[in-house]
Protein backbone atom coordinates (compact mmCIF):
# COMPACT_ATOMS: atom_id res chain seq x y z
CA MET A 1 -101.16 243.63 3.34
CA ILE A 2 -97.91 245.07 4.55
CA GLN A 3 -99.11 248.32 5.14
CA GLN A 4 -102.34 247.13 7.00
CA GLY A 5 -100.02 245.32 9.45
CA TRP A 6 -100.61 241.91 8.03
CA LYS A 7 -97.24 239.51 8.30
CA VAL A 8 -96.58 238.81 4.78
CA VAL A 9 -94.65 234.93 2.97
CA ILE A 10 -94.66 235.12 -0.31
CA THR A 11 -94.94 232.26 -2.67
CA HIS A 12 -94.67 232.09 -6.91
CA GLY A 13 -94.83 229.75 -9.10
CA ASN A 14 -91.39 229.46 -12.13
CA GLY A 15 -93.27 227.04 -14.81
CA PRO A 16 -92.11 229.16 -17.77
CA GLN A 17 -88.70 230.27 -16.26
CA VAL A 18 -87.54 226.71 -16.13
CA GLY A 19 -89.29 226.13 -19.68
CA PHE A 20 -86.40 228.89 -20.79
CA ILE A 21 -83.37 227.35 -18.58
CA LEU A 22 -84.25 223.80 -20.11
CA LEU A 23 -84.57 225.19 -23.56
CA ARG A 24 -81.28 226.90 -23.65
CA SER A 25 -79.68 224.10 -21.25
CA ASP A 26 -80.89 222.07 -24.99
CA LEU A 27 -79.74 224.22 -27.63
CA ALA A 28 -76.30 224.68 -25.59
CA SER A 29 -75.60 220.96 -25.02
CA ASN A 30 -73.35 220.07 -27.30
CA VAL A 31 -70.91 221.97 -25.92
CA LEU A 32 -71.83 222.54 -22.28
CA HIS A 33 -73.28 220.20 -19.32
CA THR A 34 -77.09 219.95 -19.49
CA VAL A 35 -78.78 221.84 -16.21
CA PRO A 36 -80.16 219.22 -13.61
CA LEU A 37 -83.98 219.80 -12.88
CA ASP A 38 -83.35 220.69 -9.67
CA SER A 39 -80.41 223.77 -10.38
CA CYS A 40 -83.51 224.50 -12.69
CA GLY A 41 -85.26 225.08 -9.30
CA ALA A 42 -82.68 226.87 -6.94
CA ASP A 43 -81.60 229.42 -10.48
CA THR A 44 -85.68 230.37 -10.60
CA GLN A 45 -86.03 230.76 -7.04
CA GLY A 46 -83.15 233.19 -6.88
CA ALA A 47 -83.78 235.07 -9.96
CA ILE A 48 -87.47 235.18 -9.49
CA GLY A 49 -87.04 236.07 -5.51
CA TYR A 50 -84.86 238.89 -6.79
CA MET A 51 -86.84 240.52 -8.76
CA ILE A 52 -90.04 240.68 -6.02
CA GLN A 53 -87.95 241.59 -3.15
CA GLN A 54 -85.94 244.59 -5.32
CA CYS A 55 -89.32 245.78 -6.38
CA LEU A 56 -91.06 245.29 -2.89
CA ASN A 57 -87.52 246.92 -1.04
CA ASN A 58 -88.08 249.72 -3.32
CA ASP A 59 -92.00 250.86 -2.74
CA PHE A 60 -90.89 250.34 1.30
CA LYS A 61 -88.35 252.58 0.53
CA ARG A 62 -90.83 255.20 -1.69
CA LEU A 63 -93.40 254.60 0.80
CA GLY A 64 -91.48 255.40 3.40
CA ILE A 65 -92.29 251.09 5.78
CA ASN A 66 -89.73 250.50 7.31
CA LYS A 67 -89.69 246.51 6.25
CA LEU A 68 -87.40 244.55 3.74
CA ALA A 69 -87.65 241.76 1.93
CA VAL A 70 -85.66 238.56 1.80
CA THR A 71 -85.95 235.56 -0.95
CA VAL A 72 -84.99 232.26 0.93
CA ILE A 73 -83.72 229.63 -1.52
CA THR A 74 -86.51 227.03 -0.22
CA GLN A 75 -85.55 222.96 -0.43
CA VAL A 76 -88.66 220.56 -0.01
CA LEU A 77 -88.29 216.88 1.47
CA VAL A 78 -90.62 214.59 -0.57
CA ASP A 79 -90.56 210.73 -0.36
CA LYS A 80 -88.62 208.72 -3.28
CA ASN A 81 -90.72 206.19 -2.84
CA ASP A 82 -93.44 208.06 -3.59
CA LEU A 83 -95.53 206.62 -6.56
CA ALA A 84 -95.25 209.89 -8.64
CA PHE A 85 -91.58 208.39 -9.31
CA LYS A 86 -93.21 205.40 -11.08
CA ASN A 87 -95.78 207.39 -13.31
CA PRO A 88 -94.90 210.71 -14.50
CA THR A 89 -97.30 213.05 -15.15
CA LYS A 90 -95.68 216.87 -15.28
CA PRO A 91 -94.89 218.52 -18.87
CA ILE A 92 -91.74 220.43 -18.54
CA GLY A 93 -89.66 222.54 -20.84
CA PRO A 94 -90.01 223.01 -24.87
CA PHE A 95 -92.28 221.22 -27.64
CA TYR A 96 -90.08 218.62 -29.71
CA ASP A 97 -90.68 216.16 -32.86
CA GLU A 98 -91.21 212.78 -32.25
CA GLU A 99 -87.95 212.14 -33.88
CA LYS A 100 -86.10 214.49 -31.49
CA ILE A 101 -87.65 213.15 -28.96
CA ASP A 102 -87.10 209.53 -30.08
CA GLU A 103 -83.36 210.35 -29.61
CA LEU A 104 -83.81 212.36 -26.03
CA ARG A 105 -85.40 209.61 -24.74
CA ARG A 106 -83.13 207.30 -26.09
CA LYS A 107 -80.05 209.09 -25.04
CA ARG A 108 -81.47 210.49 -21.39
CA GLY A 109 -83.70 208.20 -20.40
CA TRP A 110 -86.64 210.61 -20.32
CA HIS A 111 -90.08 209.95 -20.23
CA VAL A 112 -92.13 211.46 -22.73
CA ILE A 113 -96.13 212.04 -23.84
CA GLU A 114 -97.81 213.74 -26.98
CA ASP A 115 -99.58 216.89 -25.62
CA ALA A 116 -102.24 218.06 -27.39
CA GLY A 117 -101.24 217.72 -31.02
CA ARG A 118 -98.54 220.17 -30.20
CA GLY A 119 -95.47 218.10 -29.99
CA TRP A 120 -93.65 215.64 -27.74
CA ARG A 121 -92.60 216.44 -24.40
CA ARG A 122 -90.69 215.50 -21.17
CA VAL A 123 -92.79 214.52 -18.25
CA VAL A 124 -91.24 213.98 -15.07
CA PRO A 125 -92.78 213.27 -11.27
CA SER A 126 -94.98 215.66 -9.28
CA PRO A 127 -94.83 214.31 -5.50
CA VAL A 128 -96.42 214.88 -2.86
CA PRO A 129 -94.70 217.43 -0.49
CA LYS A 130 -93.40 216.23 2.90
CA LYS A 131 -91.75 218.85 4.87
CA ILE A 132 -90.31 222.61 4.56
CA ILE A 133 -87.00 222.18 5.13
CA GLU A 134 -86.11 225.86 5.64
CA LEU A 135 -89.22 226.47 8.12
CA GLU A 136 -87.78 227.65 10.87
CA VAL A 137 -85.81 230.01 8.94
CA ILE A 138 -88.96 231.52 7.46
CA LYS A 139 -91.00 231.63 10.36
CA SER A 140 -87.81 233.28 12.30
CA LEU A 141 -87.36 235.59 9.50
CA VAL A 142 -91.46 236.72 9.48
CA HIS A 143 -90.85 237.28 13.70
CA GLN A 144 -88.54 239.67 13.41
CA GLY A 145 -90.51 241.36 10.60
CA PHE A 146 -89.34 240.30 7.37
CA VAL A 147 -91.09 240.14 4.23
CA ALA A 148 -90.31 236.52 3.19
CA ILE A 149 -89.93 234.90 -0.41
CA ALA A 150 -90.24 231.31 -0.07
CA VAL A 151 -90.79 227.93 -1.70
CA GLY A 152 -90.48 228.97 -5.20
CA GLY A 153 -91.52 227.01 -8.09
CA GLY A 154 -92.78 224.73 -5.42
CA GLY A 155 -89.64 224.37 -3.57
CA ILE A 156 -87.00 222.17 -4.44
CA PRO A 157 -87.47 219.00 -4.41
CA VAL A 158 -84.87 216.75 -1.77
CA ALA A 159 -84.83 213.07 -0.84
CA GLU A 160 -83.17 211.88 2.50
CA GLU A 161 -80.52 209.35 1.78
CA ARG A 162 -78.45 207.87 4.78
CA GLY A 163 -78.87 211.13 6.55
CA LYS A 164 -78.21 213.62 4.07
CA LEU A 165 -80.45 215.21 1.54
CA CYS A 166 -80.18 215.23 -2.26
CA GLY A 167 -81.96 216.78 -5.45
CA LEU A 168 -84.27 215.02 -7.53
CA GLU A 169 -85.23 215.53 -10.78
CA ALA A 170 -88.85 216.16 -10.05
CA VAL A 171 -91.71 219.25 -9.78
CA ILE A 172 -93.24 219.81 -6.83
CA ASP A 173 -97.04 221.78 -7.08
CA LYS A 174 -96.48 225.15 -6.36
CA ASP A 175 -99.74 225.35 -4.83
CA PHE A 176 -99.81 222.22 -2.14
CA ALA A 177 -96.25 223.36 -0.87
CA SER A 178 -97.88 227.21 -0.71
CA SER A 179 -100.11 224.95 1.77
CA LEU A 180 -97.78 222.82 3.36
CA LEU A 181 -95.90 226.29 4.49
CA ALA A 182 -99.18 227.67 4.85
CA VAL A 183 -99.87 225.05 7.77
CA GLY A 184 -96.53 225.16 9.61
CA MET A 185 -96.75 229.12 9.87
CA ASN A 186 -99.89 228.84 11.33
CA ALA A 187 -100.99 231.03 8.97
CA ASP A 188 -104.07 233.46 9.88
CA LEU A 189 -104.92 233.66 5.39
CA PHE A 190 -103.96 231.75 2.60
CA LEU A 191 -104.38 233.80 -0.23
CA ILE A 192 -103.93 232.47 -3.54
CA SER A 193 -103.79 235.00 -6.06
CA THR A 194 -104.44 233.74 -9.81
CA ASN A 195 -106.20 235.11 -13.23
CA VAL A 196 -109.62 234.70 -11.93
CA GLU A 197 -111.40 237.23 -9.65
CA LYS A 198 -113.77 234.33 -8.33
CA VAL A 199 -113.34 230.49 -7.92
CA ALA A 200 -117.16 229.06 -10.56
CA LEU A 201 -118.90 225.98 -10.74
CA ASN A 202 -119.10 224.57 -14.07
CA PHE A 203 -116.36 227.09 -15.59
CA GLY A 204 -116.66 228.38 -19.19
CA LYS A 205 -120.40 226.68 -19.64
CA THR A 206 -123.47 229.05 -20.40
CA ASN A 207 -124.63 227.50 -16.33
CA GLN A 208 -121.47 228.71 -15.03
CA VAL A 209 -121.46 230.12 -11.74
CA TRP A 210 -119.40 232.41 -9.65
CA ILE A 211 -119.22 231.36 -5.57
CA ASP A 212 -118.94 234.12 -3.08
CA LYS A 213 -118.49 232.15 -0.36
CA MET A 214 -117.39 227.75 0.70
CA THR A 215 -117.23 225.39 3.02
CA LEU A 216 -114.46 223.36 3.57
CA GLU A 217 -117.18 220.64 2.97
CA GLU A 218 -118.80 222.44 -0.12
CA ALA A 219 -115.34 223.01 -1.35
CA LYS A 220 -114.65 219.10 -0.57
CA LYS A 221 -117.79 218.04 -2.60
CA TYR A 222 -117.61 220.56 -5.43
CA TYR A 223 -113.94 219.01 -6.17
CA SER A 224 -115.23 215.73 -5.68
CA GLU A 225 -117.95 216.27 -8.78
CA GLY A 226 -115.15 217.71 -10.74
CA HIS A 227 -116.25 220.85 -10.61
CA PHE A 228 -112.43 222.45 -10.66
CA ALA A 229 -109.85 221.37 -13.45
CA ALA A 230 -106.65 219.34 -12.66
CA GLY A 231 -104.67 222.00 -14.55
CA SER A 232 -105.77 225.22 -13.36
CA MET A 233 -108.76 225.52 -10.24
CA GLY A 234 -108.38 222.45 -9.35
CA PRO A 235 -105.10 221.92 -7.56
CA LYS A 236 -105.86 225.04 -5.78
CA ILE A 237 -109.05 224.20 -4.20
CA GLN A 238 -107.15 220.63 -2.96
CA ALA A 239 -104.28 222.82 -1.59
CA ILE A 240 -107.30 224.58 0.35
CA ILE A 241 -108.76 222.06 1.16
CA HIS A 242 -104.97 220.94 3.12
CA TYR A 243 -104.57 223.73 4.80
CA LEU A 244 -108.17 224.14 6.24
CA GLU A 245 -107.83 220.59 6.97
CA ASN A 246 -104.88 220.71 8.97
CA GLY A 247 -105.46 223.59 11.42
CA GLY A 248 -105.76 226.44 8.93
CA LYS A 249 -108.09 229.36 9.83
CA LYS A 250 -109.36 230.89 6.27
CA ALA A 251 -108.35 230.90 2.47
CA ILE A 252 -109.13 233.73 -0.56
CA VAL A 253 -109.11 233.01 -4.15
CA THR A 254 -108.65 235.97 -6.13
CA ASN A 255 -106.46 237.95 -8.83
CA PRO A 256 -104.36 240.27 -7.73
CA THR A 257 -105.96 243.89 -8.95
CA ASN A 258 -108.62 242.49 -6.79
CA ILE A 259 -106.22 241.61 -3.60
CA GLU A 260 -107.13 244.41 -1.76
CA ARG A 261 -111.06 244.11 -2.28
CA ALA A 262 -110.84 240.79 -1.35
CA LEU A 263 -109.36 241.26 2.11
CA LEU A 264 -112.38 243.68 2.92
CA GLY A 265 -114.58 241.07 1.53
CA GLU A 266 -115.81 243.40 -1.45
CA THR A 267 -115.06 240.03 -3.88
CA GLY A 268 -113.18 237.22 -4.31
CA THR A 269 -114.31 233.69 -3.29
CA VAL A 270 -114.28 233.35 0.41
CA ILE A 271 -112.97 229.27 2.04
CA THR A 272 -113.58 228.77 5.62
CA CYS A 273 -114.00 225.13 7.83
């Protein structure tokens, strides 16, 4: 894409990596303080961003591309009165048995759920992202020709209190944050790279149908009919709907190996107004 002349901003998830940090933190809690969730987000943005920018910059050098990738540790503003804070639903971290989770619930005030018969897990709020704090920095970098890596893991959730920002024990959906960034950047294309080549109706069923193209209205209709699962394709379609309803032009969903073909219109699911 960069060789073709696209100005690119890269976003990414961080779920497993946050889980690793929380597990290490828990195992070492008898000798070290535990790690706050907003710091976990910052840590993973830095570590994953480092890997992406190093790989890209090595390839730029190898291919003779006069570009440089840079990571922006990104904060994302949420409303501290968001209803998600009264109803935490996002599972994070390792699985625990019932005895251990009861202890953690008492000592740390955790909200917990039983997760599909695999054990008990902590759940945290997942509020709606409202504003990307470093948006102007990201826009400036892109306009200057840099490849920006931003809103990793959905961004670090922050709220404003008495004119100051403070981190929160929450996580933001990476697709929603990416959509908000795409709108703020006035992006021509919002590309979601996932683990399927195309979006499907009736996914995994005998009457499954792959979709080449969708309009905004069709995407809304299929979403309301329950075709896209909450834990997988649902948030991606919601994020695309938000992007298109707020001035976006075109979205593509495909897997990493097919990005080049999808840009040529040979595969992937294209969603437009």
